Amino acid sequence: MTLQATAPAPAAVRAETTDSAPRPAAGVAGRVLGALAGALVVLWAVATLTFFLLRLIPGDPVLLILGTSGSPSAAVVAATRAAFGLDQPVLVQYLHFLAGAAHGDFGISYQLKVPVTQVIGEQLLATVQLVILAVVLAWALSLAITVPTAGRRPLVERTARTVEIVLASLPQFWIGIMLLVVLAIGLGWFPVAGGDGLAGLFLPALTLAIPIAGFLSQVMRESFETALKQPFVTSARARGAGEARVRLGHALRHALLPGVTLTGWAVGSLFSGAVVVEVIFARPGIGRVLLSAVLSRDIPVVLGVVVVIAAVYVVVNAIVDILYPIIDPRLASR
């Protein structure tokens, strides 16, 4: 009787295990597919909105293509309009744009008369280097502010919070001008304009990093202070762990998630801020390309740069989603 009563239990356990085993894999696949679908929707929405907004700009783009010198004949205008597909209905132009963008083809620049992908490709690396260094500096500054001061005496805490608010509130163009005047022109530590290597990259990256560091510090401070009150920190201190080990080895890892989330947003902000910084420091990059294209109404270049920036933003946020379970393994089972 006992054997008959207890025999089905292992089978039930096996059945439950078998039923539940695929769930983590299915959950991961679902998250990946959901992220991919969301990324495609975002890119489509950005491309569509930008395309139709640019079509609202008054003026004939054919005259921009031909330039202001002379008065082109009607035949030349008609031939140019046909060559660039501007003689077709707007909806047809939009569909051609989407088809080309799906293959990385954004058309020909009105001003430079070369493929837009070539224009962007020649400048993209400089901006990517700038943004990467800015993210690294922002994290370094935020950790230097947050880790030593979180959970300390009220005076230290208030001072650190004030510093964070000030950093987050500073406009990037003002930071860039001050760094340029003091560190480049005044002290001569860095090149005034352009410059190769890390020396020419540091001040522009620091200009972008300072406000982001203020936001990162504010976000991580709350989670860091919460982590310091958790039982695992109390246990670590009871085992004799020093304050530095408690903060860096135990509390910090649990405080990183909000900062990692904010980093995904920050990358898009940094690409936008690169427009101002690249102009101030006379650096190459897609920020200057975008500004020049907007001023000259070079629609294909504007469209290409905006879509590329949106694609970078989407990819970075997908990477952030992947990093979540690595930073906090508890999220992997959800």
C-alpha atoms as a PDB file:
ATOM      1  CA  MET A   1       0.000   0.000   0.000  1.00  0.00           C
ATOM      2  CA  THR A   2       2.768   2.366   0.868  1.00  0.00           C
ATOM      3  CA  LEU A   3       4.553   1.678  -2.407  1.00  0.00           C
ATOM      4  CA  GLN A   4       1.369   2.251  -4.403  1.00  0.00           C
ATOM      5  CA  ALA A   5       0.652   5.494  -2.583  1.00  0.00           C
ATOM      6  CA  THR A   6       4.108   6.943  -3.028  1.00  0.00           C
ATOM      7  CA  ALA A   7       5.037   5.624  -6.486  1.00  0.00           C
ATOM      8  CA  PRO A   8       3.218   8.303  -8.511  1.00  0.00           C
ATOM      9  CA  ALA A   9       5.098  11.093  -6.725  1.00  0.00           C
ATOM     10  CA  PRO A  10       8.368  10.812  -8.706  1.00  0.00           C
ATOM     11  CA  ALA A  11       6.393  10.706 -11.959  1.00  0.00           C
ATOM     12  CA  ALA A  12       4.571  13.863 -10.945  1.00  0.00           C
ATOM     13  CA  VAL A  13       7.850  15.508 -10.085  1.00  0.00           C
ATOM     14  CA  ARG A  14       9.297  14.455 -13.431  1.00  0.00           C
ATOM     15  CA  ALA A  15       6.239  15.727 -15.250  1.00  0.00           C
ATOM     16  CA  GLU A  16       6.413  19.045 -13.419  1.00  0.00           C
ATOM     17  CA  THR A  17      10.111  19.346 -14.151  1.00  0.00           C
ATOM     18  CA  THR A  18       9.575  18.470 -17.795  1.00  0.00           C
ATOM     19  CA  ASP A  19       6.779  21.011 -18.126  1.00  0.00           C
ATOM     20  CA  SER A  20       8.735  23.773 -16.459  1.00  0.00           C
ATOM     21  CA  ALA A  21      12.114  23.130 -18.091  1.00  0.00           C
ATOM     22  CA  PRO A  22      11.436  24.940 -21.374  1.00  0.00           C
ATOM     23  CA  ARG A  23      10.027  27.996 -19.670  1.00  0.00           C
ATOM     24  CA  PRO A  24      13.321  29.860 -19.082  1.00  0.00           C
ATOM     25  CA  ALA A  25      14.395  29.303 -22.700  1.00  0.00           C
ATOM     26  CA  ALA A  26      10.959  30.318 -23.933  1.00  0.00           C
ATOM     27  CA  GLY A  27      11.094  33.389 -21.714  1.00  0.00           C
ATOM     28  CA  VAL A  28      14.487  34.420 -23.091  1.00  0.00           C
ATOM     29  CA  ALA A  29      13.332  33.850 -26.679  1.00  0.00           C
ATOM     30  CA  GLY A  30      10.199  35.869 -26.009  1.00  0.00           C
ATOM     31  CA  ARG A  31      12.198  38.757 -24.575  1.00  0.00           C
ATOM     32  CA  VAL A  32      14.572  38.716 -27.553  1.00  0.00           C
ATOM     33  CA  LEU A  33      11.725  38.659 -30.080  1.00  0.00           C
ATOM     34  CA  GLY A  34       9.879  41.357 -28.172  1.00  0.00           C
ATOM     35  CA  ALA A  35      12.979  43.546 -28.058  1.00  0.00           C
ATOM     36  CA  LEU A  36      13.571  43.014 -31.782  1.00  0.00           C
ATOM     37  CA  ALA A  37       9.985  43.894 -32.643  1.00  0.00           C
ATOM     38  CA  GLY A  38      10.126  46.967 -30.432  1.00  0.00           C
ATOM     39  CA  ALA A  39      13.403  48.053 -32.039  1.00  0.00           C
ATOM     40  CA  LEU A  40      11.949  47.772 -35.533  1.00  0.00           C
ATOM     41  CA  VAL A  41       8.871  49.762 -34.524  1.00  0.00           C
ATOM     42  CA  VAL A  42      11.022  52.512 -32.995  1.00  0.00           C
ATOM     43  CA  LEU A  43      13.226  52.751 -36.084  1.00  0.00           C
ATOM     44  CA  TRP A  44      10.194  52.820 -38.383  1.00  0.00           C
ATOM     45  CA  ALA A  45       8.504  55.515 -36.295  1.00  0.00           C
ATOM     46  CA  VAL A  46      11.630  57.694 -36.175  1.00  0.00           C
ATOM     47  CA  ALA A  47      12.259  57.330 -39.909  1.00  0.00           C
ATOM     48  CA  THR A  48       8.623  58.017 -40.799  1.00  0.00           C
ATOM     49  CA  LEU A  49       8.220  61.033 -38.541  1.00  0.00           C
ATOM     50  CA  THR A  50      11.500  62.567 -39.714  1.00  0.00           C
ATOM     51  CA  PHE A  51      10.685  61.968 -43.381  1.00  0.00           C
ATOM     52  CA  PHE A  52       7.313  63.712 -43.299  1.00  0.00           C
ATOM     53  CA  LEU A  53       8.469  66.558 -41.040  1.00  0.00           C
ATOM     54  CA  LEU A  54      11.278  67.364 -43.466  1.00  0.00           C
ATOM     55  CA  ARG A  55       8.762  67.409 -46.310  1.00  0.00           C
ATOM     56  CA  LEU A  56       6.976  70.274 -44.534  1.00  0.00           C
ATOM     57  CA  ILE A  57       9.982  72.565 -44.991  1.00  0.00           C
ATOM     58  CA  PRO A  58       9.061  75.231 -47.566  1.00  0.00           C
ATOM     59  CA  GLY A  59      11.068  75.547 -50.762  1.00  0.00           C
ATOM     60  CA  ASP A  60      12.005  73.376 -53.708  1.00  0.00           C
ATOM     61  CA  PRO A  61      14.761  70.844 -52.907  1.00  0.00           C
ATOM     62  CA  VAL A  62      15.722  70.763 -56.592  1.00  0.00           C
ATOM     63  CA  LEU A  63      16.942  74.355 -56.351  1.00  0.00           C
ATOM     64  CA  LEU A  64      19.064  73.338 -53.360  1.00  0.00           C
ATOM     65  CA  ILE A  65      20.556  70.488 -55.357  1.00  0.00           C
ATOM     66  CA  LEU A  66      21.391  72.722 -58.322  1.00  0.00           C
ATOM     67  CA  GLY A  67      22.783  75.507 -56.161  1.00  0.00           C
ATOM     68  CA  THR A  68      22.198  79.229 -56.167  1.00  0.00           C
ATOM     69  CA  SER A  69      24.560  80.138 -59.001  1.00  0.00           C
ATOM     70  CA  GLY A  70      22.765  81.037 -62.200  1.00  0.00           C
ATOM     71  CA  SER A  71      19.173  80.342 -63.156  1.00  0.00           C
ATOM     72  CA  PRO A  72      18.694  76.717 -64.264  1.00  0.00           C
ATOM     73  CA  SER A  73      16.421  76.060 -67.202  1.00  0.00           C
ATOM     74  CA  ALA A  74      13.141  74.222 -66.858  1.00  0.00           C
ATOM     75  CA  ALA A  75      14.645  71.207 -68.615  1.00  0.00           C
ATOM     76  CA  VAL A  76      17.531  71.016 -66.140  1.00  0.00           C
ATOM     77  CA  VAL A  77      15.140  71.344 -63.197  1.00  0.00           C
ATOM     78  CA  ALA A  78      12.899  68.605 -64.591  1.00  0.00           C
ATOM     79  CA  ALA A  79      15.844  66.286 -65.258  1.00  0.00           C
ATOM     80  CA  THR A  80      17.225  66.829 -61.758  1.00  0.00           C
ATOM     81  CA  ARG A  81      13.813  66.268 -60.208  1.00  0.00           C
ATOM     82  CA  ALA A  82      13.489  62.963 -62.070  1.00  0.00           C
ATOM     83  CA  ALA A  83      17.052  61.894 -61.230  1.00  0.00           C
ATOM     84  CA  PHE A  84      16.413  62.249 -57.489  1.00  0.00           C
ATOM     85  CA  GLY A  85      12.896  60.815 -57.661  1.00  0.00           C
ATOM     86  CA  LEU A  86      11.333  64.106 -56.577  1.00  0.00           C
ATOM     87  CA  ASP A  87       8.835  64.006 -59.433  1.00  0.00           C
ATOM     88  CA  GLN A  88       7.007  61.116 -57.789  1.00  0.00           C
ATOM     89  CA  PRO A  89       4.204  61.399 -55.201  1.00  0.00           C
ATOM     90  CA  VAL A  90       5.330  61.828 -51.601  1.00  0.00           C
ATOM     91  CA  LEU A  91       3.964  58.416 -50.628  1.00  0.00           C
ATOM     92  CA  VAL A  92       6.000  56.744 -53.376  1.00  0.00           C
ATOM     93  CA  GLN A  93       9.095  58.660 -52.258  1.00  0.00           C
ATOM     94  CA  TYR A  94       8.440  57.477 -48.704  1.00  0.00           C
ATOM     95  CA  LEU A  95       8.164  53.834 -49.746  1.00  0.00           C
ATOM     96  CA  HIS A  96      11.369  54.098 -51.793  1.00  0.00           C
ATOM     97  CA  PHE A  97      13.079  55.667 -48.785  1.00  0.00           C
ATOM     98  CA  LEU A  98      11.973  52.834 -46.485  1.00  0.00           C
ATOM     99  CA  ALA A  99      13.096  50.202 -48.981  1.00  0.00           C
ATOM    100  CA  GLY A 100      16.481  51.847 -49.353  1.00  0.00           C
ATOM    101  CA  ALA A 101      16.925  52.423 -45.619  1.00  0.00           C
ATOM    102  CA  ALA A 102      16.238  48.742 -44.963  1.00  0.00           C
ATOM    103  CA  HIS A 103      19.329  48.011 -47.076  1.00  0.00           C
ATOM    104  CA  GLY A 104      21.417  50.856 -45.645  1.00  0.00           C
ATOM    105  CA  ASP A 105      20.877  53.124 -48.644  1.00  0.00           C
ATOM    106  CA  PHE A 106      19.747  56.658 -47.760  1.00  0.00           C
ATOM    107  CA  GLY A 107      20.253  58.158 -51.192  1.00  0.00           C
ATOM    108  CA  ILE A 108      22.605  60.871 -52.454  1.00  0.00           C
ATOM    109  CA  SER A 109      23.529  64.017 -50.538  1.00  0.00           C
ATOM    110  CA  TYR A 110      22.054  67.125 -52.150  1.00  0.00           C
ATOM    111  CA  GLN A 111      25.108  69.220 -51.334  1.00  0.00           C
ATOM    112  CA  LEU A 112      28.042  66.801 -51.519  1.00  0.00           C
ATOM    113  CA  LYS A 113      26.687  64.672 -54.393  1.00  0.00           C
ATOM    114  CA  VAL A 114      27.978  61.463 -52.782  1.00  0.00           C
ATOM    115  CA  PRO A 115      26.082  58.596 -51.078  1.00  0.00           C
ATOM    116  CA  VAL A 116      24.782  59.482 -47.628  1.00  0.00           C
ATOM    117  CA  THR A 117      26.276  56.284 -46.214  1.00  0.00           C
ATOM    118  CA  GLN A 118      29.693  57.524 -47.310  1.00  0.00           C
ATOM    119  CA  VAL A 119      29.147  60.891 -45.622  1.00  0.00           C
ATOM    120  CA  ILE A 120      28.068  59.229 -42.373  1.00  0.00           C
ATOM    121  CA  GLY A 121      30.703  56.497 -42.523  1.00  0.00           C
ATOM    122  CA  GLU A 122      33.527  59.024 -42.747  1.00  0.00           C
ATOM    123  CA  GLN A 123      32.393  60.783 -39.557  1.00  0.00           C
ATOM    124  CA  LEU A 124      30.664  58.120 -37.455  1.00  0.00           C
ATOM    125  CA  LEU A 125      33.794  56.647 -35.852  1.00  0.00           C
ATOM    126  CA  ALA A 126      34.855  60.015 -34.419  1.00  0.00           C
ATOM    127  CA  THR A 127      31.486  60.459 -32.710  1.00  0.00           C
ATOM    128  CA  VAL A 128      31.389  56.864 -31.447  1.00  0.00           C
ATOM    129  CA  GLN A 129      34.831  57.319 -29.861  1.00  0.00           C
ATOM    130  CA  LEU A 130      33.637  60.541 -28.247  1.00  0.00           C
ATOM    131  CA  VAL A 131      30.477  58.941 -26.857  1.00  0.00           C
ATOM    132  CA  ILE A 132      32.280  55.848 -25.519  1.00  0.00           C
ATOM    133  CA  LEU A 133      34.859  57.924 -23.648  1.00  0.00           C
ATOM    134  CA  ALA A 134      32.090  60.203 -22.348  1.00  0.00           C
ATOM    135  CA  VAL A 135      30.199  57.193 -20.934  1.00  0.00           C
ATOM    136  CA  VAL A 136      33.379  55.896 -19.266  1.00  0.00           C
ATOM    137  CA  LEU A 137      34.125  59.298 -17.728  1.00  0.00           C
ATOM    138  CA  ALA A 138      30.514  59.730 -16.596  1.00  0.00           C
ATOM    139  CA  TRP A 139      30.600  56.385 -14.785  1.00  0.00           C
ATOM    140  CA  ALA A 140      33.986  57.160 -13.232  1.00  0.00           C
ATOM    141  CA  LEU A 141      32.767  60.526 -11.939  1.00  0.00           C
ATOM    142  CA  SER A 142      29.464  59.164 -10.652  1.00  0.00           C
ATOM    143  CA  LEU A 143      31.116  56.276  -8.808  1.00  0.00           C
ATOM    144  CA  ALA A 144      33.701  58.643  -7.326  1.00  0.00           C
ATOM    145  CA  ILE A 145      30.856  60.766  -5.951  1.00  0.00           C
ATOM    146  CA  THR A 146      28.412  58.039  -4.901  1.00  0.00           C
ATOM    147  CA  VAL A 147      30.469  55.184  -3.449  1.00  0.00           C
ATOM    148  CA  PRO A 148      32.371  57.150  -0.763  1.00  0.00           C
ATOM    149  CA  THR A 149      29.463  59.392   0.286  1.00  0.00           C
ATOM    150  CA  ALA A 150      26.283  57.266   0.187  1.00  0.00           C
ATOM    151  CA  GLY A 151      24.954  56.463   3.645  1.00  0.00           C
ATOM    152  CA  ARG A 152      27.407  58.778   5.389  1.00  0.00           C
ATOM    153  CA  ARG A 153      26.797  61.600   7.870  1.00  0.00           C
ATOM    154  CA  PRO A 154      24.078  64.139   6.942  1.00  0.00           C
ATOM    155  CA  LEU A 155      26.593  66.887   6.101  1.00  0.00           C
ATOM    156  CA  VAL A 156      28.509  64.632   3.708  1.00  0.00           C
ATOM    157  CA  GLU A 157      25.268  63.365   2.212  1.00  0.00           C
ATOM    158  CA  ARG A 158      23.833  66.846   1.634  1.00  0.00           C
ATOM    159  CA  THR A 159      27.075  68.111   0.128  1.00  0.00           C
ATOM    160  CA  ALA A 160      27.254  65.191  -2.293  1.00  0.00           C
ATOM    161  CA  ARG A 161      23.617  65.607  -3.309  1.00  0.00           C
ATOM    162  CA  THR A 162      24.200  69.309  -3.962  1.00  0.00           C
ATOM    163  CA  VAL A 163      27.193  68.493  -6.168  1.00  0.00           C
ATOM    164  CA  GLU A 164      25.089  65.988  -8.118  1.00  0.00           C
ATOM    165  CA  ILE A 165      22.311  68.519  -8.720  1.00  0.00           C
ATOM    166  CA  VAL A 166      24.782  71.175  -9.854  1.00  0.00           C
ATOM    167  CA  LEU A 167      26.526  68.800 -12.271  1.00  0.00           C
ATOM    168  CA  ALA A 168      23.235  67.615 -13.751  1.00  0.00           C
ATOM    169  CA  SER A 169      22.052  71.209 -14.224  1.00  0.00           C
ATOM    170  CA  LEU A 170      25.101  72.570 -16.056  1.00  0.00           C
ATOM    171  CA  PRO A 171      24.514  73.214 -19.783  1.00  0.00           C
ATOM    172  CA  GLN A 172      26.988  71.424 -21.996  1.00  0.00           C
ATOM    173  CA  PHE A 173      27.869  74.448 -24.110  1.00  0.00           C
ATOM    174  CA  TRP A 174      28.877  76.360 -20.940  1.00  0.00           C
ATOM    175  CA  ILE A 175      30.932  73.432 -19.645  1.00  0.00           C
ATOM    176  CA  GLY A 176      32.686  73.139 -23.001  1.00  0.00           C
ATOM    177  CA  ILE A 177      33.546  76.836 -23.157  1.00  0.00           C
ATOM    178  CA  MET A 178      34.844  76.878 -19.557  1.00  0.00           C
ATOM    179  CA  LEU A 179      36.990  73.783 -20.067  1.00  0.00           C
ATOM    180  CA  LEU A 180      38.309  75.223 -23.308  1.00  0.00           C
ATOM    181  CA  VAL A 181      39.165  78.597 -21.767  1.00  0.00           C
ATOM    182  CA  VAL A 182      40.716  77.251 -18.556  1.00  0.00           C
ATOM    183  CA  LEU A 183      42.392  73.959 -19.479  1.00  0.00           C
ATOM    184  CA  ALA A 184      43.183  74.500 -23.163  1.00  0.00           C
ATOM    185  CA  ILE A 185      43.767  78.233 -23.626  1.00  0.00           C
ATOM    186  CA  GLY A 186      44.748  79.196 -20.068  1.00  0.00           C
ATOM    187  CA  LEU A 187      46.846  76.246 -18.901  1.00  0.00           C
ATOM    188  CA  GLY A 188      47.661  74.776 -22.280  1.00  0.00           C
ATOM    189  CA  TRP A 189      47.127  71.195 -21.101  1.00  0.00           C
ATOM    190  CA  PHE A 190      44.992  70.242 -24.091  1.00  0.00           C
ATOM    191  CA  PRO A 191      44.761  71.329 -27.738  1.00  0.00           C
ATOM    192  CA  VAL A 192      42.460  74.296 -28.309  1.00  0.00           C
ATOM    193  CA  ALA A 193      40.744  72.811 -31.352  1.00  0.00           C
ATOM    194  CA  GLY A 194      40.767  69.461 -33.074  1.00  0.00           C
ATOM    195  CA  GLY A 195      43.747  67.453 -31.927  1.00  0.00           C
ATOM    196  CA  ASP A 196      44.510  63.800 -32.414  1.00  0.00           C
ATOM    197  CA  GLY A 197      44.500  60.975 -29.906  1.00  0.00           C
ATOM    198  CA  LEU A 198      43.279  61.023 -26.327  1.00  0.00           C
ATOM    199  CA  ALA A 199      44.438  64.600 -25.682  1.00  0.00           C
ATOM    200  CA  GLY A 200      42.124  65.972 -28.349  1.00  0.00           C
ATOM    201  CA  LEU A 201      39.275  63.721 -27.245  1.00  0.00           C
ATOM    202  CA  PHE A 202      39.380  64.234 -23.477  1.00  0.00           C
ATOM    203  CA  LEU A 203      37.865  67.714 -23.095  1.00  0.00           C
ATOM    204  CA  PRO A 204      34.941  67.112 -25.492  1.00  0.00           C
ATOM    205  CA  ALA A 205      34.197  63.798 -23.764  1.00  0.00           C
ATOM    206  CA  LEU A 206      34.413  65.410 -20.319  1.00  0.00           C
ATOM    207  CA  THR A 207      32.018  68.122 -21.476  1.00  0.00           C
ATOM    208  CA  LEU A 208      29.460  65.476 -22.384  1.00  0.00           C
ATOM    209  CA  ALA A 209      30.154  63.365 -19.296  1.00  0.00           C
ATOM    210  CA  ILE A 210      29.706  65.915 -16.500  1.00  0.00           C
ATOM    211  CA  PRO A 211      25.886  66.364 -16.688  1.00  0.00           C
ATOM    212  CA  ILE A 212      25.378  62.622 -17.246  1.00  0.00           C
ATOM    213  CA  ALA A 213      27.532  61.911 -14.182  1.00  0.00           C
ATOM    214  CA  GLY A 214      25.217  64.099 -12.101  1.00  0.00           C
ATOM    215  CA  PHE A 215      22.157  62.120 -13.218  1.00  0.00           C
ATOM    216  CA  LEU A 216      23.899  58.759 -12.726  1.00  0.00           C
ATOM    217  CA  SER A 217      24.981  59.695  -9.210  1.00  0.00           C
ATOM    218  CA  GLN A 218      21.473  60.720  -8.191  1.00  0.00           C
ATOM    219  CA  VAL A 219      19.955  57.512  -9.536  1.00  0.00           C
ATOM    220  CA  MET A 220      22.553  55.175  -8.040  1.00  0.00           C
ATOM    221  CA  ARG A 221      22.650  56.885  -4.655  1.00  0.00           C
ATOM    222  CA  GLU A 222      19.155  55.752  -3.747  1.00  0.00           C
ATOM    223  CA  SER A 223      19.759  52.126  -4.714  1.00  0.00           C
ATOM    224  CA  PHE A 224      23.205  52.170  -3.082  1.00  0.00           C
ATOM    225  CA  GLU A 225      21.796  53.377   0.229  1.00  0.00           C
ATOM    226  CA  THR A 226      19.064  50.751   0.010  1.00  0.00           C
ATOM    227  CA  ALA A 227      21.676  48.049  -0.614  1.00  0.00           C
ATOM    228  CA  LEU A 228      23.683  49.163   2.428  1.00  0.00           C
ATOM    229  CA  LYS A 229      20.651  48.379   4.613  1.00  0.00           C
ATOM    230  CA  GLN A 230      20.172  44.844   3.275  1.00  0.00           C
ATOM    231  CA  PRO A 231      20.879  41.708   5.367  1.00  0.00           C
ATOM    232  CA  PHE A 232      23.740  40.561   3.122  1.00  0.00           C
ATOM    233  CA  VAL A 233      25.637  43.765   3.954  1.00  0.00           C
ATOM    234  CA  THR A 234      25.024  43.237   7.665  1.00  0.00           C
ATOM    235  CA  SER A 235      26.297  39.665   7.328  1.00  0.00           C
ATOM    236  CA  ALA A 236      29.403  40.825   5.473  1.00  0.00           C
ATOM    237  CA  ARG A 237      30.196  43.338   8.194  1.00  0.00           C
ATOM    238  CA  ALA A 238      29.603  40.687  10.855  1.00  0.00           C
ATOM    239  CA  ARG A 239      32.181  38.489   9.113  1.00  0.00           C
ATOM    240  CA  GLY A 240      34.712  41.272   9.472  1.00  0.00           C
ATOM    241  CA  ALA A 241      34.617  42.755   5.967  1.00  0.00           C
ATOM    242  CA  GLY A 242      36.004  46.270   5.791  1.00  0.00           C
ATOM    243  CA  GLU A 243      33.942  49.254   4.689  1.00  0.00           C
ATOM    244  CA  ALA A 244      35.640  49.433   1.296  1.00  0.00           C
ATOM    245  CA  ARG A 245      34.953  45.760   0.605  1.00  0.00           C
ATOM    246  CA  VAL A 246      31.349  46.093   1.744  1.00  0.00           C
ATOM    247  CA  ARG A 247      30.737  49.041  -0.553  1.00  0.00           C
ATOM    248  CA  LEU A 248      32.681  47.854  -3.604  1.00  0.00           C
ATOM    249  CA  GLY A 249      32.225  44.110  -3.306  1.00  0.00           C
ATOM    250  CA  HIS A 250      28.673  43.801  -2.016  1.00  0.00           C
ATOM    251  CA  ALA A 251      26.557  46.974  -2.198  1.00  0.00           C
ATOM    252  CA  LEU A 252      27.821  48.342  -5.503  1.00  0.00           C
ATOM    253  CA  ARG A 253      26.691  45.415  -7.633  1.00  0.00           C
ATOM    254  CA  HIS A 254      23.131  45.748  -6.386  1.00  0.00           C
ATOM    255  CA  ALA A 255      23.191  49.502  -6.997  1.00  0.00           C
ATOM    256  CA  LEU A 256      24.281  49.278 -10.641  1.00  0.00           C
ATOM    257  CA  LEU A 257      20.973  48.373 -12.299  1.00  0.00           C
ATOM    258  CA  PRO A 258      19.416  51.874 -12.231  1.00  0.00           C
ATOM    259  CA  GLY A 259      22.665  53.316 -13.557  1.00  0.00           C
ATOM    260  CA  VAL A 260      22.843  50.757 -16.347  1.00  0.00           C
ATOM    261  CA  THR A 261      19.258  51.586 -17.306  1.00  0.00           C
ATOM    262  CA  LEU A 262      20.062  55.288 -17.393  1.00  0.00           C
ATOM    263  CA  THR A 263      23.122  54.613 -19.555  1.00  0.00           C
ATOM    264  CA  GLY A 264      20.877  53.389 -22.358  1.00  0.00           C
ATOM    265  CA  TRP A 265      19.095  56.742 -22.329  1.00  0.00           C
ATOM    266  CA  ALA A 266      22.382  58.615 -21.919  1.00  0.00           C
ATOM    267  CA  VAL A 267      23.831  57.273 -25.162  1.00  0.00           C
ATOM    268  CA  GLY A 268      21.051  58.909 -27.169  1.00  0.00           C
ATOM    269  CA  SER A 269      21.525  62.108 -25.192  1.00  0.00           C
ATOM    270  CA  LEU A 270      25.277  62.034 -25.817  1.00  0.00           C
ATOM    271  CA  PHE A 271      24.820  61.669 -29.565  1.00  0.00           C
ATOM    272  CA  SER A 272      22.511  64.688 -29.474  1.00  0.00           C
ATOM    273  CA  GLY A 273      24.932  66.654 -27.308  1.00  0.00           C
ATOM    274  CA  ALA A 274      27.753  65.820 -29.692  1.00  0.00           C
ATOM    275  CA  VAL A 275      26.363  68.427 -32.107  1.00  0.00           C
ATOM    276  CA  VAL A 276      27.236  71.285 -29.738  1.00  0.00           C
ATOM    277  CA  VAL A 277      30.482  69.778 -28.475  1.00  0.00           C
ATOM    278  CA  GLU A 278      31.866  68.995 -31.918  1.00  0.00           C
ATOM    279  CA  VAL A 279      31.225  72.583 -32.985  1.00  0.00           C
ATOM    280  CA  ILE A 280      32.823  74.089 -29.851  1.00  0.00           C
ATOM    281  CA  PHE A 281      35.943  71.944 -30.084  1.00  0.00           C
ATOM    282  CA  ALA A 282      36.075  71.905 -33.911  1.00  0.00           C
ATOM    283  CA  ARG A 283      35.984  68.127 -34.004  1.00  0.00           C
ATOM    284  CA  PRO A 284      34.800  65.906 -36.842  1.00  0.00           C
ATOM    285  CA  GLY A 285      31.719  63.767 -36.270  1.00  0.00           C
ATOM    286  CA  ILE A 286      28.144  63.181 -37.312  1.00  0.00           C
ATOM    287  CA  GLY A 287      27.009  65.973 -35.006  1.00  0.00           C
ATOM    288  CA  ARG A 288      28.634  68.557 -37.237  1.00  0.00           C
ATOM    289  CA  VAL A 289      27.411  66.678 -40.301  1.00  0.00           C
ATOM    290  CA  LEU A 290      23.843  66.849 -38.980  1.00  0.00           C
ATOM    291  CA  LEU A 291      24.093  70.553 -38.172  1.00  0.00           C
ATOM    292  CA  SER A 292      25.502  71.345 -41.609  1.00  0.00           C
ATOM    293  CA  ALA A 293      22.824  69.228 -43.291  1.00  0.00           C
ATOM    294  CA  VAL A 294      20.022  70.951 -41.368  1.00  0.00           C
ATOM    295  CA  LEU A 295      21.339  74.413 -42.228  1.00  0.00           C
ATOM    296  CA  SER A 296      21.693  73.512 -45.913  1.00  0.00           C
ATOM    297  CA  ARG A 297      18.443  71.483 -45.942  1.00  0.00           C
ATOM    298  CA  ASP A 298      20.270  68.398 -47.176  1.00  0.00           C
ATOM    299  CA  ILE A 299      17.292  66.116 -46.518  1.00  0.00           C
ATOM    300  CA  PRO A 300      18.895  62.727 -47.327  1.00  0.00           C
ATOM    301  CA  VAL A 301      21.796  63.397 -44.942  1.00  0.00           C
ATOM    302  CA  VAL A 302      19.462  64.545 -42.162  1.00  0.00           C
ATOM    303  CA  LEU A 303      17.344  61.420 -42.590  1.00  0.00           C
ATOM    304  CA  GLY A 304      20.384  59.152 -42.631  1.00  0.00           C
ATOM    305  CA  VAL A 305      21.975  60.655 -39.519  1.00  0.00           C
ATOM    306  CA  VAL A 306      18.716  60.599 -37.539  1.00  0.00           C
ATOM    307  CA  VAL A 307      18.056  56.947 -38.411  1.00  0.00           C
ATOM    308  CA  VAL A 308      21.642  55.957 -37.546  1.00  0.00           C
ATOM    309  CA  ILE A 309      21.423  57.688 -34.161  1.00  0.00           C
ATOM    310  CA  ALA A 310      18.090  55.970 -33.487  1.00  0.00           C
ATOM    311  CA  ALA A 311      19.617  52.613 -34.461  1.00  0.00           C
ATOM    312  CA  VAL A 312      22.540  53.123 -32.080  1.00  0.00           C
ATOM    313  CA  TYR A 313      20.117  54.051 -29.300  1.00  0.00           C
ATOM    314  CA  VAL A 314      18.045  50.917 -29.927  1.00  0.00           C
ATOM    315  CA  VAL A 315      21.104  48.642 -30.010  1.00  0.00           C
ATOM    316  CA  VAL A 316      22.508  50.089 -26.786  1.00  0.00           C
ATOM    317  CA  ASN A 317      19.202  49.616 -24.983  1.00  0.00           C
ATOM    318  CA  ALA A 318      19.072  46.008 -26.210  1.00  0.00           C
ATOM    319  CA  ILE A 319      22.557  45.469 -24.768  1.00  0.00           C
ATOM    320  CA  VAL A 320      21.376  47.000 -21.500  1.00  0.00           C
ATOM    321  CA  ASP A 321      18.512  44.480 -21.371  1.00  0.00           C
ATOM    322  CA  ILE A 322      21.009  41.654 -21.896  1.00  0.00           C
ATOM    323  CA  LEU A 323      23.231  42.961 -19.086  1.00  0.00           C
ATOM    324  CA  TYR A 324      20.420  42.916 -16.508  1.00  0.00           C
ATOM    325  CA  PRO A 325      20.598  39.185 -15.636  1.00  0.00           C
ATOM    326  CA  ILE A 326      24.403  39.316 -15.703  1.00  0.00           C
ATOM    327  CA  ILE A 327      24.499  42.080 -13.109  1.00  0.00           C
ATOM    328  CA  ASP A 328      21.685  40.580 -11.028  1.00  0.00           C
ATOM    329  CA  PRO A 329      21.263  36.814 -11.716  1.00  0.00           C
ATOM    330  CA  ARG A 330      17.907  36.860  -9.926  1.00  0.00           C
ATOM    331  CA  LEU A 331      16.426  38.552 -12.997  1.00  0.00           C
ATOM    332  CA  ALA A 332      17.376  35.635 -15.255  1.00  0.00           C
ATOM    333  CA  SER A 333      14.568  33.488 -13.869  1.00  0.00           C
ATOM    334  CA  ARG A 334      11.863  36.088 -14.415  1.00  0.00           C
END
